[in-house]
């Protein structure tokens, strides 16, 4: 089983000058440390307008910065919002490919649609149709990264003519695809589409075993990949705070994890929010005593407790556990100390088993993946004669207005209208 760290960039009020800058630079330091310690993944969300809960509205910028301070850790979008009003598909394909290039092929392309009214309303995304938007955009974004040229598309939520979307990613045909899952229905959908499941449901190991089993059953029977490759992986999130003393681990990490849950509920389930005015942390403090504790069952405790907790997930077949270590007012130094202790005392025994586990899994799933890809109808590449030519604007103007030798490009340059290479 592999391990990841996860960032919302939470910033409870009150905010002092420099708080956001400090938050981002501490997170960069944490990712750099995680890379040195051998943590496998760093995941970063995309959220908009969710004050205090998430100040991560430009994950591609943060992950690009991470790429230049790390060597081996995988850089995961957890997730990119794909309805086209959030992010036009071509722009997503360009950004993912560019990040893959600058990171030497370390990108994981997690996707989703959002369920927050602040975000959906802010970008004018129709709630009832966001799933359809996500499906359309995901398929076409994968096509853009894999096809040369992209043949174009006339869809319900966006359209685009034939273009060659560049650059192309290092990982072929494209980086691994994932989707954010908060329930069994989306886990099943991930399996049918041949993409990884990033689960944010905080299930116990018994429930996880059932989800993993159902995912692989559907993958084997029904999978028709939405992309050009299959990513048969399941990741699950848990809280995280590791200390030799259980009480201290709880003191350092429990409130942050509880605020994570409370902030999620505030923005997605029960809250009422006035932009720029609502104090989510103050509301959390008033509700704290009524909230359930996190405890060792949520990845908060001693190395022995975490070892037992994580081994139970490993036994279910979960491929990766992702730690929510930056939550609420969790302190930077405590996060770093937890990661170091975990890497020293817990991670080595899982690493010893991982190579054999991954090899066995790859061999077992090879025919499943092959059968899934055989079910897919890949988009037909255009023949050379079918690829349209795009005439430069100056050429179009002259062809419409009559012949001339020179055109003003509007940039202070004069250029010949006839291509010298055509002579």
Protein backbone atom coordinates (compact mmCIF):
# COMPACT_ATOMS: atom_id res chain seq x y z
CA UNK A 1 0.00 0.00 0.00
CA UNK A 2 1.19 3.50 -0.86
CA UNK A 3 0.78 6.73 1.11
CA UNK A 4 -0.11 10.28 0.18
CA UNK A 5 -0.61 13.67 1.78
CA UNK A 6 -3.53 15.94 1.02
CA UNK A 7 -4.02 19.71 0.92
CA UNK A 8 -7.07 21.92 1.09
CA UNK A 9 -4.96 24.86 2.33
CA UNK A 10 -7.28 25.45 5.26
CA UNK A 11 -6.99 28.84 6.93
CA UNK A 12 -9.36 29.48 9.86
CA UNK A 13 -10.14 33.04 10.85
CA UNK A 14 -8.95 35.47 12.10
CA UNK A 15 -6.53 36.15 9.24
CA UNK A 16 -3.46 38.25 9.91
CA UNK A 17 -1.22 39.85 7.30
CA UNK A 18 0.92 37.21 5.62
CA UNK A 19 -1.20 34.27 6.78
CA UNK A 20 -1.94 32.96 3.29
CA UNK A 21 1.65 33.40 2.17
CA UNK A 22 2.91 31.54 5.24
CA UNK A 23 0.33 28.78 4.71
CA UNK A 24 1.46 28.09 1.15
CA UNK A 25 5.17 28.15 1.92
CA UNK A 26 4.76 25.83 4.89
CA UNK A 27 2.85 23.44 2.64
CA UNK A 28 5.68 23.55 0.10
CA UNK A 29 8.14 22.72 2.88
CA UNK A 30 5.94 19.80 3.95
CA UNK A 31 5.76 18.37 0.43
CA UNK A 32 9.53 18.68 0.08
CA UNK A 33 9.95 16.83 3.38
CA UNK A 34 7.46 14.15 2.33
CA UNK A 35 9.42 13.61 -0.86
CA UNK A 36 12.66 13.10 1.09
CA UNK A 37 10.91 10.70 3.49
CA UNK A 38 9.55 8.50 0.71
CA UNK A 39 5.85 9.44 0.83
CA UNK A 40 4.43 8.45 -2.56
CA UNK A 41 1.87 11.16 -3.42
CA UNK A 42 1.00 14.80 -2.74
CA UNK A 43 -2.63 15.67 -3.59
CA UNK A 44 -4.03 19.19 -4.00
CA UNK A 45 -7.69 20.19 -4.37
CA UNK A 46 -9.35 22.79 -6.54
CA UNK A 47 -11.97 24.83 -4.71
CA UNK A 48 -13.31 28.33 -5.15
CA UNK A 49 -14.82 30.74 -2.61
CA UNK A 50 -14.85 28.20 0.27
CA UNK A 51 -13.42 30.53 2.89
CA UNK A 52 -11.41 28.95 5.72
CA UNK A 53 -12.16 25.43 4.46
CA UNK A 54 -10.04 25.68 1.29
CA UNK A 55 -7.88 28.47 -0.13
CA UNK A 56 -6.69 26.26 -2.99
CA UNK A 57 -8.14 27.79 -6.14
CA UNK A 58 -5.10 27.35 -8.41
CA UNK A 59 -3.71 23.86 -7.70
CA UNK A 60 -1.74 23.79 -10.94
CA UNK A 61 0.41 26.65 -9.64
CA UNK A 62 1.05 25.01 -6.26
CA UNK A 63 1.83 21.63 -7.83
CA UNK A 64 4.18 23.24 -10.34
CA UNK A 65 6.05 24.81 -7.42
CA UNK A 66 6.14 21.39 -5.72
CA UNK A 67 7.58 19.85 -8.88
CA UNK A 68 10.66 22.04 -8.64
CA UNK A 69 11.33 21.23 -4.98
CA UNK A 70 10.89 17.45 -5.23
CA UNK A 71 12.35 14.51 -7.15
CA UNK A 72 10.10 11.47 -6.91
CA UNK A 73 6.77 12.17 -5.18
CA UNK A 74 3.74 11.89 -7.47
CA UNK A 75 1.82 15.17 -7.89
CA UNK A 76 -1.92 14.65 -7.79
CA UNK A 77 -4.79 16.92 -8.74
CA UNK A 78 -7.34 15.90 -6.19
CA UNK A 79 -9.21 17.23 -8.12
CA UNK A 80 -9.61 19.44 -11.23
CA UNK A 81 -13.18 20.72 -11.61
CA UNK A 82 -14.14 19.67 -15.15
CA UNK A 83 -17.51 21.25 -16.00
CA UNK A 84 -16.42 23.59 -18.81
CA UNK A 85 -17.61 26.76 -17.07
CA UNK A 86 -14.93 26.09 -14.46
CA UNK A 87 -12.18 25.04 -16.84
CA UNK A 88 -12.37 24.75 -20.64
CA UNK A 89 -11.21 21.22 -21.57
CA UNK A 90 -8.38 22.38 -23.84
CA UNK A 91 -6.97 24.54 -21.05
CA UNK A 92 -7.10 21.58 -18.67
CA UNK A 93 -5.27 19.35 -21.18
CA UNK A 94 -2.61 22.02 -21.70
CA UNK A 95 -2.05 22.54 -17.98
CA UNK A 96 -1.92 18.82 -17.13
CA UNK A 97 0.55 18.15 -19.94
CA UNK A 98 2.73 21.10 -18.97
CA UNK A 99 2.84 19.99 -15.33
CA UNK A 100 3.71 16.48 -16.49
CA UNK A 101 6.62 17.91 -18.50
CA UNK A 102 8.05 20.13 -15.78
CA UNK A 103 7.72 17.29 -13.21
CA UNK A 104 9.30 14.67 -15.51
CA UNK A 105 6.10 12.62 -15.72
CA UNK A 106 4.81 12.62 -12.13
CA UNK A 107 1.22 13.86 -12.58
CA UNK A 108 -1.98 12.12 -11.43
CA UNK A 109 -5.05 13.64 -13.11
CA UNK A 110 -7.86 13.60 -10.56
CA UNK A 111 -11.20 14.98 -11.69
CA UNK A 112 -14.59 15.94 -10.31
CA UNK A 113 -17.64 18.17 -10.64
CA UNK A 114 -18.17 19.86 -7.22
CA UNK A 115 -21.26 19.94 -5.01
CA UNK A 116 -20.84 23.34 -3.38
CA UNK A 117 -23.43 25.98 -4.23
CA UNK A 118 -20.83 28.70 -3.68
CA UNK A 119 -18.75 27.22 -6.51
CA UNK A 120 -21.54 26.03 -8.79
CA UNK A 121 -23.41 29.32 -8.51
CA UNK A 122 -20.26 31.39 -8.79
CA UNK A 123 -19.43 29.86 -12.16
CA UNK A 124 -22.98 29.33 -13.39
CA UNK A 125 -22.81 25.52 -13.46
CA UNK A 126 -26.19 23.79 -13.60
CA UNK A 127 -26.54 21.49 -10.60
CA UNK A 128 -28.76 18.98 -12.39
CA UNK A 129 -26.35 18.54 -15.30
CA UNK A 130 -22.92 18.74 -13.70
CA UNK A 131 -22.36 14.97 -13.92
CA UNK A 132 -23.04 15.04 -17.67
CA UNK A 133 -20.68 18.00 -18.03
CA UNK A 134 -17.96 16.13 -16.17
CA UNK A 135 -18.33 13.03 -18.34
CA UNK A 136 -18.19 14.99 -21.59
CA UNK A 137 -15.21 17.08 -20.52
CA UNK A 138 -13.24 14.15 -19.08
CA UNK A 139 -13.49 12.07 -22.24
CA UNK A 140 -12.55 14.96 -24.49
CA UNK A 141 -9.68 16.15 -22.29
CA UNK A 142 -8.17 12.66 -22.45
CA UNK A 143 -8.61 12.65 -26.23
CA UNK A 144 -6.85 16.01 -26.47
CA UNK A 145 -3.79 14.70 -24.63
CA UNK A 146 -3.65 11.41 -26.54
CA UNK A 147 -4.51 12.40 -30.13
CA UNK A 148 -2.36 14.21 -32.73
CA UNK A 149 -4.28 16.19 -33.85
CA UNK A 150 -7.43 16.28 -31.75
CA UNK A 151 -10.17 15.81 -34.36
CA UNK A 152 -12.60 18.28 -32.79
CA UNK A 153 -15.91 17.81 -31.03
CA UNK A 154 -19.48 19.09 -31.19
CA UNK A 155 -20.94 18.45 -27.77
CA UNK A 156 -23.77 19.49 -25.55
CA UNK A 157 -21.67 21.56 -23.14
CA UNK A 158 -18.71 22.62 -25.26
CA UNK A 159 -17.54 22.43 -28.85
CA UNK A 160 -14.13 22.80 -30.43
CA UNK A 161 -12.77 22.46 -33.99
CA UNK A 162 -9.84 20.28 -34.97
CA UNK A 163 -6.65 21.46 -33.29
CA UNK A 164 -3.43 19.84 -32.13
CA UNK A 165 -3.46 20.48 -28.37
CA UNK A 166 0.14 20.97 -27.28
CA UNK A 167 2.25 20.25 -25.36
CA UNK A 168 1.71 16.51 -24.97
CA UNK A 169 2.34 14.86 -21.58
CA UNK A 170 5.36 12.71 -20.77
CA UNK A 171 3.13 9.83 -19.64
CA UNK A 172 1.51 8.09 -22.60
CA UNK A 173 -1.24 8.12 -23.59
CA UNK A 174 -2.00 10.51 -20.72
CA UNK A 175 -1.46 10.69 -16.92
CA UNK A 176 -3.57 8.33 -14.77
CA UNK A 177 -7.21 9.40 -14.47
CA UNK A 178 -9.10 9.55 -11.15
CA UNK A 179 -12.45 10.78 -9.89
CA UNK A 180 -13.43 12.07 -6.45
CA UNK A 181 -15.89 9.67 -4.78
CA UNK A 182 -17.99 10.26 -1.68
CA UNK A 183 -20.35 7.30 -2.05
CA UNK A 184 -20.64 3.78 -3.47
CA UNK A 185 -22.44 5.00 -6.59
CA UNK A 186 -19.44 7.03 -7.72
CA UNK A 187 -17.05 4.17 -6.84
CA UNK A 188 -19.09 1.96 -9.17
CA UNK A 189 -18.97 4.65 -11.87
CA UNK A 190 -15.19 4.90 -11.53
CA UNK A 191 -14.91 1.14 -12.11
CA UNK A 192 -17.17 1.25 -15.17
CA UNK A 193 -15.06 4.07 -16.65
CA UNK A 194 -11.69 2.46 -15.80
CA UNK A 195 -10.44 5.29 -13.61
CA UNK A 196 -9.07 5.47 -10.09
CA UNK A 197 -11.38 6.18 -7.15
CA UNK A 198 -10.32 8.96 -4.78
CA UNK A 199 -12.66 8.26 -1.88
CA UNK A 200 -13.54 10.95 0.65
CA UNK A 201 -16.14 9.04 2.64
CA UNK A 202 -14.06 8.17 5.76
CA UNK A 203 -15.28 4.59 5.80
CA UNK A 204 -14.07 1.91 8.21
CA UNK A 205 -12.07 -1.10 6.96
CA UNK A 206 -15.12 -3.39 6.80
CA UNK A 207 -16.93 -0.95 4.52
CA UNK A 208 -13.73 -0.35 2.55
CA UNK A 209 -13.42 -4.07 1.85
CA UNK A 210 -16.90 -4.09 0.34
CA UNK A 211 -16.18 -1.01 -1.80
CA UNK A 212 -12.91 -2.49 -3.08
CA UNK A 213 -14.56 -5.81 -3.90
CA UNK A 214 -17.42 -4.13 -5.79
CA UNK A 215 -15.00 -1.86 -7.67
CA UNK A 216 -12.98 -4.82 -8.98
CA UNK A 217 -16.06 -6.89 -9.81
CA UNK A 218 -17.47 -4.07 -11.95
CA UNK A 219 -14.05 -3.36 -13.46
CA UNK A 220 -13.83 -6.95 -14.65
CA UNK A 221 -17.40 -7.27 -15.96
CA UNK A 222 -18.40 -3.84 -17.25
CA UNK A 223 -15.44 -1.52 -17.68
CA UNK A 224 -15.34 0.56 -20.86
CA UNK A 225 -12.54 3.08 -20.33
CA UNK A 226 -13.42 6.73 -20.74
CA UNK A 227 -9.75 7.49 -21.38
CA UNK A 228 -7.08 5.77 -23.44
CA UNK A 229 -5.76 3.73 -20.51
CA UNK A 230 -7.10 2.08 -17.35
CA UNK A 231 -6.11 3.19 -13.85
CA UNK A 232 -7.45 0.42 -11.54
CA UNK A 233 -6.66 2.00 -8.17
CA UNK A 234 -8.54 2.94 -5.01
CA UNK A 235 -7.31 5.59 -2.57
CA UNK A 236 -8.96 6.44 0.75
CA UNK A 237 -8.41 9.41 3.02
CA UNK A 238 -7.91 9.42 6.78
CA UNK A 239 -6.92 11.91 9.46
CA UNK A 240 -3.30 11.99 10.51
CA UNK A 241 -1.30 12.87 13.58
CA UNK A 242 1.47 10.62 14.82
CA UNK A 243 3.22 10.89 18.21
CA UNK A 244 4.74 8.43 20.67
CA UNK A 245 2.14 9.60 23.19
CA UNK A 246 -1.47 8.99 22.15
CA UNK A 247 -2.84 11.90 24.15
CA UNK A 248 -0.35 14.28 22.52
CA UNK A 249 -1.17 12.92 19.06
CA UNK A 250 -4.82 13.69 19.76
CA UNK A 251 -4.07 17.13 21.16
CA UNK A 252 -2.05 18.03 18.07
CA UNK A 253 -4.25 16.56 15.36
CA UNK A 254 -7.81 15.90 16.47
CA UNK A 255 -9.17 19.44 16.31
CA UNK A 256 -7.75 19.94 12.82
CA UNK A 257 -9.44 16.81 11.53
CA UNK A 258 -12.71 17.70 13.23
CA UNK A 259 -12.58 21.18 11.67
CA UNK A 260 -12.01 19.53 8.30
CA UNK A 261 -15.29 17.65 8.75
CA UNK A 262 -17.09 20.67 10.15
CA UNK A 263 -15.93 22.95 7.32
CA UNK A 264 -17.01 20.36 4.78
CA UNK A 265 -20.44 20.23 6.38
CA UNK A 266 -20.68 24.02 6.57
CA UNK A 267 -20.01 24.60 2.87
CA UNK A 268 -21.72 21.50 1.50
CA UNK A 269 -24.48 20.31 3.85
CA UNK A 270 -25.86 22.42 6.67
CA UNK A 271 -24.21 25.85 6.58
CA UNK A 272 -25.36 29.35 5.71
CA UNK A 273 -22.51 31.57 4.51
CA UNK A 274 -22.16 35.32 4.00
CA UNK A 275 -19.06 35.88 1.79
CA UNK A 276 -16.32 37.77 3.56
CA UNK A 277 -18.22 37.86 6.86
CA UNK A 278 -19.10 34.40 8.19
CA UNK A 279 -16.56 33.13 10.73
CA UNK A 280 -16.49 29.36 10.20
CA UNK A 281 -13.88 28.75 12.93
CA UNK A 282 -15.93 30.61 15.53
CA UNK A 283 -18.97 28.53 14.59
CA UNK A 284 -16.85 25.38 14.85
CA UNK A 285 -15.68 26.32 18.33
CA UNK A 286 -19.28 26.75 19.45
CA UNK A 287 -20.14 23.31 18.04
CA UNK A 288 -16.94 21.52 19.10
CA UNK A 289 -18.33 19.71 22.13
CA UNK A 290 -21.12 18.17 20.05
CA UNK A 291 -18.72 16.77 17.43
CA UNK A 292 -17.48 13.17 17.60
CA UNK A 293 -13.79 12.61 18.41
CA UNK A 294 -11.41 11.50 15.65
CA UNK A 295 -9.07 9.23 17.56
CA UNK A 296 -6.78 6.41 16.49
CA UNK A 297 -9.47 4.91 14.29
CA UNK A 298 -9.03 7.95 12.06
CA UNK A 299 -5.25 7.81 11.75
CA UNK A 300 -4.50 9.80 14.89
CA UNK A 301 -2.39 8.09 17.55
CA UNK A 302 0.88 6.34 18.23
CA UNK A 303 2.98 4.56 15.60
CA UNK A 304 1.61 1.22 16.80
CA UNK A 305 -1.98 2.45 16.53
CA UNK A 306 -1.41 3.85 13.04
CA UNK A 307 0.30 0.62 11.98
CA UNK A 308 -2.74 -1.38 13.06
CA UNK A 309 -5.19 1.09 11.48
CA UNK A 310 -3.35 1.14 8.15
CA UNK A 311 -2.76 -2.61 8.04
CA UNK A 312 -6.51 -3.12 8.21
CA UNK A 313 -6.90 -1.00 5.06
CA UNK A 314 -4.03 -2.82 3.37
CA UNK A 315 -5.82 -6.11 4.02
CA UNK A 316 -8.93 -4.84 2.21
CA UNK A 317 -7.00 -4.20 -1.00
CA UNK A 318 -6.92 -0.40 -0.79
CA UNK A 319 -4.03 0.81 -2.96
CA UNK A 320 -3.29 4.09 -1.21
CA UNK A 321 -4.12 5.87 2.04
CA UNK A 322 -4.03 9.66 1.90
CA UNK A 323 -3.38 11.66 5.07
CA UNK A 324 -5.31 14.84 5.88
CA UNK A 325 -2.58 16.32 8.04
CA UNK A 326 -3.13 20.02 7.24
CA UNK A 327 -6.49 20.84 8.79
CA UNK A 328 -7.81 23.62 10.97
CA UNK A 329 -5.01 25.12 13.04
CA UNK A 330 -2.68 22.13 12.94
CA UNK A 331 0.83 23.49 13.35
CA UNK A 332 3.50 23.18 10.68
CA UNK A 333 6.14 21.83 13.05
CA UNK A 334 3.76 19.18 14.37
CA UNK A 335 2.88 18.06 10.84
CA UNK A 336 6.55 17.69 9.98
CA UNK A 337 7.29 15.78 13.20
CA UNK A 338 4.36 13.42 12.51
CA UNK A 339 5.58 12.71 8.99
CA UNK A 340 9.11 12.02 10.19
CA UNK A 341 7.97 9.67 12.95
CA UNK A 342 5.62 7.85 10.58
CA UNK A 343 8.37 7.44 7.99
CA UNK A 344 10.78 6.09 10.61
CA UNK A 345 8.55 3.71 12.53
CA UNK A 346 5.53 2.77 10.40
CA UNK A 347 6.19 3.12 6.69
CA UNK A 348 9.16 0.70 6.27
CA UNK A 349 7.17 -2.49 6.80
CA UNK A 350 4.53 -1.40 4.30
CA UNK A 351 7.25 -0.50 1.80
CA UNK A 352 8.74 -3.99 2.18
CA UNK A 353 5.46 -5.55 1.06
CA UNK A 354 4.57 -3.03 -1.63
CA UNK A 355 6.75 -4.22 -4.51
CA UNK A 356 5.46 -7.79 -4.33
CA UNK A 357 1.87 -6.57 -3.87
CA UNK A 358 2.07 -4.28 -6.90
CA UNK A 359 3.64 -6.99 -9.05
CA UNK A 360 0.95 -9.51 -8.13
CA UNK A 361 -1.79 -6.95 -8.76
CA UNK A 362 -0.40 -5.97 -12.17
CA UNK A 363 -0.23 -9.60 -13.26
CA UNK A 364 -3.73 -10.36 -11.99
CA UNK A 365 -5.32 -7.31 -13.63
CA UNK A 366 -3.44 -7.44 -16.96
CA UNK A 367 -6.16 -9.54 -18.70
CA UNK A 368 -8.90 -7.41 -17.08
CA UNK A 369 -7.35 -4.21 -18.43
CA UNK A 370 -6.81 -5.79 -21.85
CA UNK A 371 -10.47 -6.85 -22.02
CA UNK A 372 -11.65 -3.41 -20.91
CA UNK A 373 -9.62 -1.65 -23.60
CA UNK A 374 -10.95 -4.10 -26.18
CA UNK A 375 -14.51 -2.94 -25.33
CA UNK A 376 -13.72 0.71 -26.02
CA UNK A 377 -14.45 2.36 -29.34
CA UNK A 378 -11.55 4.75 -29.69
CA UNK A 379 -12.14 7.98 -31.61
CA UNK A 380 -11.04 7.69 -35.23
CA UNK A 381 -7.90 9.69 -36.05
CA UNK A 382 -8.26 12.04 -38.99
CA UNK A 383 -6.50 11.19 -42.22
CA UNK A 384 -4.13 13.84 -43.56
CA UNK A 385 -6.68 14.86 -46.18
CA UNK A 386 -9.34 15.32 -43.46
CA UNK A 387 -7.31 17.73 -41.32
CA UNK A 388 -8.50 21.26 -42.07
CA UNK A 389 -6.05 24.02 -42.86
CA UNK A 390 -6.19 27.16 -40.76
CA UNK A 391 -5.43 30.27 -42.78
CA UNK A 392 -3.70 33.08 -40.94
CA UNK A 393 -5.83 36.12 -40.21
CA UNK A 394 -3.77 38.39 -42.50
CA UNK A 395 -4.19 35.96 -45.36
CA UNK A 396 -7.94 35.84 -44.79
CA UNK A 397 -8.18 39.63 -44.78
CA UNK A 398 -6.28 39.94 -48.05
CA UNK A 399 -8.17 37.12 -49.73
CA UNK A 400 -11.39 38.90 -48.83
CA UNK A 401 -10.15 42.38 -49.79
CA UNK A 402 -8.00 41.58 -52.81
CA UNK A 403 -4.35 40.76 -53.41
CA UNK A 404 -1.53 42.74 -51.80
CA UNK A 405 2.08 42.06 -51.05
CA UNK A 406 2.32 43.20 -47.45
CA UNK A 407 -0.01 43.22 -44.44
CA UNK A 408 0.22 45.07 -41.16
CA UNK A 409 -0.07 42.48 -38.38
CA UNK A 410 -1.01 45.02 -35.77
CA UNK A 411 2.17 44.28 -33.82
CA UNK A 412 4.41 46.81 -35.52
CA UNK A 413 5.72 44.20 -37.98
CA UNK A 414 5.12 43.92 -41.70
CA UNK A 415 5.15 40.41 -43.12
CA UNK A 416 4.77 38.87 -46.56
CA UNK A 417 1.30 37.52 -47.25
CA UNK A 418 2.46 34.69 -49.45
CA UNK A 419 4.36 31.91 -47.70
CA UNK A 420 7.94 31.99 -49.03
CA UNK A 421 8.06 28.21 -48.51
CA UNK A 422 5.37 27.80 -51.18
CA UNK A 423 7.65 29.06 -53.98
